[in-house]
Amino acid sequence: MGVRTFFSDKDIQTVSEALDIAEDRTGEYYKFSFGQWKRHRYGVKTLTDLRREEIAPDPAFALLNKYSLANAEEALDVRRRKGDFYSICLQDHRILDALGRDRNACLLPLMVYIFTHELIHIVRFCNFSQRFEVKGEGRRREEEIVHGTTLKVLKGLALQDLDYIMDAYRSYGICELMAC
């Protein structure tokens, strides 16, 4: 049996569950109300919905796109809204490949980790803690900050195999950024 490239329907259910957990944990960490979360506009795309330019270079598990008001229509129908919109572009093929290489890793905790990491980036960009367009050393530093915050947000979460994932990816940056 070969490595799957796209998430299955069952995987999509797990991805959705992971996003719910990551939103709850991240919102709890930042003490967000429901209304505050709504100001951080974002959507999630999987590989089947990605355009060529949304496929991240190796080894990223996700590409975070920022859409400005000028091209927000392309983002997920945000025509009547103001401000920026972010799209978390999941790289199914890389995520599934990583799970295939490491039999101790499971999709749910890995996706909770990935989503929490991406949501923290979005919060930092929306709150002007960091500019989206940062490059070089500033980019490396942003990844360190977000990774450290991700570990804090997820610490103590009772989720099977999450500790393994956090330890396995302790020194990894898994996000690429692209302004559209």
C-alpha atoms as a PDB file:
ATOM      1  CA  MET A   1       0.000   0.000   0.000  1.00  0.00           C
ATOM      2  CA  GLY A   2       1.457   3.385  -1.048  1.00  0.00           C
ATOM      3  CA  VAL A   3       1.476   6.642   0.870  1.00  0.00           C
ATOM      4  CA  ARG A   4      -1.775   8.600   0.532  1.00  0.00           C
ATOM      5  CA  THR A   5      -1.452  12.100  -0.850  1.00  0.00           C
ATOM      6  CA  PHE A   6      -4.792  13.570   0.276  1.00  0.00           C
ATOM      7  CA  PHE A   7      -6.720  13.414   3.526  1.00  0.00           C
ATOM      8  CA  SER A   8      -9.512  10.836   3.559  1.00  0.00           C
ATOM      9  CA  ASP A   9     -13.026  11.683   4.760  1.00  0.00           C
ATOM     10  CA  LYS A  10     -12.130  10.171   8.143  1.00  0.00           C
ATOM     11  CA  ASP A  11      -8.956  12.306   8.240  1.00  0.00           C
ATOM     12  CA  ILE A  12     -11.023  15.431   7.513  1.00  0.00           C
ATOM     13  CA  GLN A  13     -13.193  14.661  10.558  1.00  0.00           C
ATOM     14  CA  THR A  14     -10.028  14.358  12.664  1.00  0.00           C
ATOM     15  CA  VAL A  15      -8.669  17.616  11.192  1.00  0.00           C
ATOM     16  CA  SER A  16     -11.936  19.360  12.105  1.00  0.00           C
ATOM     17  CA  GLU A  17     -11.767  17.998  15.659  1.00  0.00           C
ATOM     18  CA  ALA A  18      -8.150  19.169  15.923  1.00  0.00           C
ATOM     19  CA  LEU A  19      -9.116  22.682  14.808  1.00  0.00           C
ATOM     20  CA  ASP A  20     -11.825  22.839  17.490  1.00  0.00           C
ATOM     21  CA  ILE A  21      -9.320  21.792  20.167  1.00  0.00           C
ATOM     22  CA  ALA A  22      -6.671  24.246  18.917  1.00  0.00           C
ATOM     23  CA  GLU A  23      -9.171  27.134  18.794  1.00  0.00           C
ATOM     24  CA  ASP A  24     -10.332  26.372  22.344  1.00  0.00           C
ATOM     25  CA  ARG A  25      -6.801  26.137  23.745  1.00  0.00           C
ATOM     26  CA  THR A  26      -5.525  29.198  21.896  1.00  0.00           C
ATOM     27  CA  GLY A  27      -8.582  31.249  22.844  1.00  0.00           C
ATOM     28  CA  GLU A  28      -8.220  30.154  26.459  1.00  0.00           C
ATOM     29  CA  TYR A  29      -4.528  31.122  26.473  1.00  0.00           C
ATOM     30  CA  TYR A  30      -5.229  34.591  25.066  1.00  0.00           C
ATOM     31  CA  LYS A  31      -8.461  34.892  27.103  1.00  0.00           C
ATOM     32  CA  PHE A  32     -10.549  35.541  23.988  1.00  0.00           C
ATOM     33  CA  SER A  33     -14.291  35.813  24.010  1.00  0.00           C
ATOM     34  CA  PHE A  34     -16.230  34.433  21.048  1.00  0.00           C
ATOM     35  CA  GLY A  35     -16.452  37.963  19.643  1.00  0.00           C
ATOM     36  CA  GLN A  36     -12.714  38.459  19.882  1.00  0.00           C
ATOM     37  CA  TRP A  37     -12.113  35.238  17.923  1.00  0.00           C
ATOM     38  CA  LYS A  38     -14.406  36.521  15.165  1.00  0.00           C
ATOM     39  CA  ARG A  39     -12.042  39.475  14.610  1.00  0.00           C
ATOM     40  CA  HIS A  40      -9.288  37.002  13.697  1.00  0.00           C
ATOM     41  CA  ARG A  41     -10.620  35.930  10.306  1.00  0.00           C
ATOM     42  CA  TYR A  42      -9.199  32.769   8.815  1.00  0.00           C
ATOM     43  CA  GLY A  43     -10.121  29.640   6.948  1.00  0.00           C
ATOM     44  CA  VAL A  44      -8.565  26.241   6.350  1.00  0.00           C
ATOM     45  CA  LYS A  45      -7.849  24.569   3.023  1.00  0.00           C
ATOM     46  CA  THR A  46      -6.597  21.062   2.350  1.00  0.00           C
ATOM     47  CA  LEU A  47      -4.488  19.923  -0.584  1.00  0.00           C
ATOM     48  CA  THR A  48      -7.497  19.192  -2.822  1.00  0.00           C
ATOM     49  CA  ASP A  49      -8.419  22.916  -2.700  1.00  0.00           C
ATOM     50  CA  LEU A  50      -4.944  24.443  -2.987  1.00  0.00           C
ATOM     51  CA  ARG A  51      -3.657  26.400  -5.952  1.00  0.00           C
ATOM     52  CA  ARG A  52      -0.104  25.684  -7.131  1.00  0.00           C
ATOM     53  CA  GLU A  53       1.281  28.720  -5.294  1.00  0.00           C
ATOM     54  CA  GLU A  54      -0.324  27.502  -2.048  1.00  0.00           C
ATOM     55  CA  ILE A  55       1.764  24.344  -1.976  1.00  0.00           C
ATOM     56  CA  ALA A  56       4.568  25.093   0.468  1.00  0.00           C
ATOM     57  CA  PRO A  57       8.208  24.178  -0.017  1.00  0.00           C
ATOM     58  CA  ASP A  58       9.538  21.184   1.921  1.00  0.00           C
ATOM     59  CA  PRO A  59       9.219  20.438   4.829  1.00  0.00           C
ATOM     60  CA  ALA A  60       6.341  22.722   5.853  1.00  0.00           C
ATOM     61  CA  PHE A  61       3.101  21.128   7.044  1.00  0.00           C
ATOM     62  CA  ALA A  62       1.175  24.343   6.393  1.00  0.00           C
ATOM     63  CA  LEU A  63       1.357  27.558   4.410  1.00  0.00           C
ATOM     64  CA  LEU A  64      -0.236  30.624   5.953  1.00  0.00           C
ATOM     65  CA  ASN A  65      -1.579  33.079   3.383  1.00  0.00           C
ATOM     66  CA  LYS A  66      -2.599  36.633   4.137  1.00  0.00           C
ATOM     67  CA  TYR A  67      -5.179  38.211   1.891  1.00  0.00           C
ATOM     68  CA  SER A  68      -5.566  41.969   1.870  1.00  0.00           C
ATOM     69  CA  LEU A  69      -8.829  43.804   1.283  1.00  0.00           C
ATOM     70  CA  ALA A  70      -7.892  44.247  -2.382  1.00  0.00           C
ATOM     71  CA  ASN A  71      -7.963  40.527  -3.133  1.00  0.00           C
ATOM     72  CA  ALA A  72     -10.055  39.197  -0.279  1.00  0.00           C
ATOM     73  CA  GLU A  73     -12.738  37.943  -2.686  1.00  0.00           C
ATOM     74  CA  GLU A  74     -10.365  35.165  -3.666  1.00  0.00           C
ATOM     75  CA  ALA A  75      -9.911  34.207  -0.015  1.00  0.00           C
ATOM     76  CA  LEU A  76     -13.223  32.707   1.063  1.00  0.00           C
ATOM     77  CA  ASP A  77     -15.883  35.223   0.146  1.00  0.00           C
ATOM     78  CA  VAL A  78     -15.011  38.006   2.562  1.00  0.00           C
ATOM     79  CA  ARG A  79     -16.115  40.801   0.222  1.00  0.00           C
ATOM     80  CA  ARG A  80     -18.142  42.740   2.752  1.00  0.00           C
ATOM     81  CA  ARG A  81     -15.585  42.534   5.542  1.00  0.00           C
ATOM     82  CA  LYS A  82     -12.724  44.878   6.277  1.00  0.00           C
ATOM     83  CA  GLY A  83      -9.200  43.967   7.235  1.00  0.00           C
ATOM     84  CA  ASP A  84      -7.066  40.953   6.538  1.00  0.00           C
ATOM     85  CA  PHE A  85      -8.057  37.349   6.069  1.00  0.00           C
ATOM     86  CA  TYR A  86      -5.737  34.386   6.637  1.00  0.00           C
ATOM     87  CA  SER A  87      -5.866  31.002   4.995  1.00  0.00           C
ATOM     88  CA  ILE A  88      -4.195  27.991   6.609  1.00  0.00           C
ATOM     89  CA  CYS A  89      -3.216  25.818   3.651  1.00  0.00           C
ATOM     90  CA  LEU A  90      -2.615  22.317   4.949  1.00  0.00           C
ATOM     91  CA  GLN A  91      -0.073  20.225   3.108  1.00  0.00           C
ATOM     92  CA  ASP A  92      -1.861  16.864   3.376  1.00  0.00           C
ATOM     93  CA  HIS A  93       0.877  15.010   1.512  1.00  0.00           C
ATOM     94  CA  ARG A  94       3.614  16.132   3.927  1.00  0.00           C
ATOM     95  CA  ILE A  95       1.502  15.500   7.015  1.00  0.00           C
ATOM     96  CA  LEU A  96       0.530  12.010   5.843  1.00  0.00           C
ATOM     97  CA  ASP A  97       4.110  11.278   4.809  1.00  0.00           C
ATOM     98  CA  ALA A  98       5.361  12.271   8.283  1.00  0.00           C
ATOM     99  CA  LEU A  99       2.774   9.991   9.890  1.00  0.00           C
ATOM    100  CA  GLY A 100       3.854   7.180   7.578  1.00  0.00           C
ATOM    101  CA  ARG A 101       7.503   7.614   8.603  1.00  0.00           C
ATOM    102  CA  ASP A 102       6.764   7.736  12.331  1.00  0.00           C
ATOM    103  CA  ARG A 103       4.425   5.012  13.545  1.00  0.00           C
ATOM    104  CA  ASN A 104       4.341   6.631  17.013  1.00  0.00           C
ATOM    105  CA  ALA A 105       2.735   9.802  15.628  1.00  0.00           C
ATOM    106  CA  CYS A 106      -1.042  10.140  15.229  1.00  0.00           C
ATOM    107  CA  LEU A 107      -3.038  12.578  13.118  1.00  0.00           C
ATOM    108  CA  LEU A 108      -5.117  14.200  15.897  1.00  0.00           C
ATOM    109  CA  PRO A 109      -2.269  15.384  18.142  1.00  0.00           C
ATOM    110  CA  LEU A 110      -0.146  16.403  15.150  1.00  0.00           C
ATOM    111  CA  MET A 111      -3.002  18.491  13.732  1.00  0.00           C
ATOM    112  CA  VAL A 112      -3.700  20.061  17.143  1.00  0.00           C
ATOM    113  CA  TYR A 113      -0.044  21.088  17.240  1.00  0.00           C
ATOM    114  CA  ILE A 114      -0.074  22.419  13.644  1.00  0.00           C
ATOM    115  CA  PHE A 115      -3.330  24.372  14.073  1.00  0.00           C
ATOM    116  CA  THR A 116      -2.278  25.838  17.415  1.00  0.00           C
ATOM    117  CA  HIS A 117       0.986  27.007  15.845  1.00  0.00           C
ATOM    118  CA  GLU A 118      -0.837  28.623  12.914  1.00  0.00           C
ATOM    119  CA  LEU A 119      -3.505  30.233  15.114  1.00  0.00           C
ATOM    120  CA  ILE A 120      -0.812  31.805  17.281  1.00  0.00           C
ATOM    121  CA  HIS A 121       0.769  33.299  14.141  1.00  0.00           C
ATOM    122  CA  ILE A 122      -2.631  34.708  13.164  1.00  0.00           C
ATOM    123  CA  VAL A 123      -3.217  36.188  16.625  1.00  0.00           C
ATOM    124  CA  ARG A 124       0.241  37.791  16.604  1.00  0.00           C
ATOM    125  CA  PHE A 125      -0.298  39.274  13.127  1.00  0.00           C
ATOM    126  CA  CYS A 126      -3.816  40.535  13.914  1.00  0.00           C
ATOM    127  CA  ASN A 127      -2.674  42.070  17.201  1.00  0.00           C
ATOM    128  CA  PHE A 128       0.351  43.688  15.519  1.00  0.00           C
ATOM    129  CA  SER A 129       2.794  41.785  17.724  1.00  0.00           C
ATOM    130  CA  GLN A 130       4.586  40.828  14.525  1.00  0.00           C
ATOM    131  CA  ARG A 131       4.520  41.981  10.914  1.00  0.00           C
ATOM    132  CA  PHE A 132       3.465  39.267   8.460  1.00  0.00           C
ATOM    133  CA  GLU A 133       6.121  40.241   5.929  1.00  0.00           C
ATOM    134  CA  VAL A 134       9.116  39.562   8.205  1.00  0.00           C
ATOM    135  CA  LYS A 135      12.159  37.894   6.543  1.00  0.00           C
ATOM    136  CA  GLY A 136      15.504  36.386   7.501  1.00  0.00           C
ATOM    137  CA  GLU A 137      16.519  36.568  11.147  1.00  0.00           C
ATOM    138  CA  GLY A 138      13.223  38.199  12.118  1.00  0.00           C
ATOM    139  CA  ARG A 139      11.359  35.281  10.558  1.00  0.00           C
ATOM    140  CA  ARG A 140      13.497  32.737  12.401  1.00  0.00           C
ATOM    141  CA  ARG A 141      12.855  34.611  15.660  1.00  0.00           C
ATOM    142  CA  GLU A 142       9.093  34.703  14.996  1.00  0.00           C
ATOM    143  CA  GLU A 143       9.083  30.924  14.509  1.00  0.00           C
ATOM    144  CA  GLU A 144      10.943  30.489  17.821  1.00  0.00           C
ATOM    145  CA  ILE A 145       8.432  32.685  19.655  1.00  0.00           C
ATOM    146  CA  VAL A 146       5.417  30.966  18.080  1.00  0.00           C
ATOM    147  CA  HIS A 147       6.843  27.506  18.691  1.00  0.00           C
ATOM    148  CA  GLY A 148       7.536  28.340  22.354  1.00  0.00           C
ATOM    149  CA  THR A 149       4.045  29.770  22.758  1.00  0.00           C
ATOM    150  CA  THR A 150       2.559  26.678  21.089  1.00  0.00           C
ATOM    151  CA  LEU A 151       4.249  24.483  23.677  1.00  0.00           C
ATOM    152  CA  LYS A 152       2.869  26.692  26.496  1.00  0.00           C
ATOM    153  CA  VAL A 153      -0.672  26.658  25.046  1.00  0.00           C
ATOM    154  CA  LEU A 154      -0.703  22.876  24.702  1.00  0.00           C
ATOM    155  CA  LYS A 155       1.087  22.058  27.954  1.00  0.00           C
ATOM    156  CA  GLY A 156      -1.131  19.964  30.192  1.00  0.00           C
ATOM    157  CA  LEU A 157      -3.692  19.153  27.493  1.00  0.00           C
ATOM    158  CA  ALA A 158      -4.884  15.602  28.106  1.00  0.00           C
ATOM    159  CA  LEU A 159      -4.594  14.243  24.579  1.00  0.00           C
ATOM    160  CA  GLN A 160      -3.038  10.886  23.861  1.00  0.00           C
ATOM    161  CA  ASP A 161       0.360  11.153  22.125  1.00  0.00           C
ATOM    162  CA  LEU A 162       0.454  14.967  22.256  1.00  0.00           C
ATOM    163  CA  ASP A 163       3.531  14.922  24.497  1.00  0.00           C
ATOM    164  CA  TYR A 164       5.250  12.712  21.940  1.00  0.00           C
ATOM    165  CA  ILE A 165       4.411  15.157  19.115  1.00  0.00           C
ATOM    166  CA  MET A 166       5.546  18.196  21.123  1.00  0.00           C
ATOM    167  CA  ASP A 167       8.827  16.469  21.930  1.00  0.00           C
ATOM    168  CA  ALA A 168       9.345  15.209  18.370  1.00  0.00           C
ATOM    169  CA  TYR A 169       8.775  18.675  16.882  1.00  0.00           C
ATOM    170  CA  ARG A 170      10.437  20.650  19.668  1.00  0.00           C
ATOM    171  CA  SER A 171      12.961  22.248  17.300  1.00  0.00           C
ATOM    172  CA  TYR A 172      10.892  22.481  14.112  1.00  0.00           C
ATOM    173  CA  GLY A 173       9.293  25.445  12.390  1.00  0.00           C
ATOM    174  CA  ILE A 174       6.441  24.090  10.286  1.00  0.00           C
ATOM    175  CA  CYS A 175       4.862  27.112   8.644  1.00  0.00           C
ATOM    176  CA  GLU A 176       5.571  29.043   5.500  1.00  0.00           C
ATOM    177  CA  LEU A 177       4.074  32.507   5.029  1.00  0.00           C
ATOM    178  CA  MET A 178       2.827  34.044   1.791  1.00  0.00           C
ATOM    179  CA  ALA A 179       1.118  37.392   1.262  1.00  0.00           C
ATOM    180  CA  CYS A 180      -1.413  37.450  -1.565  1.00  0.00           C
END
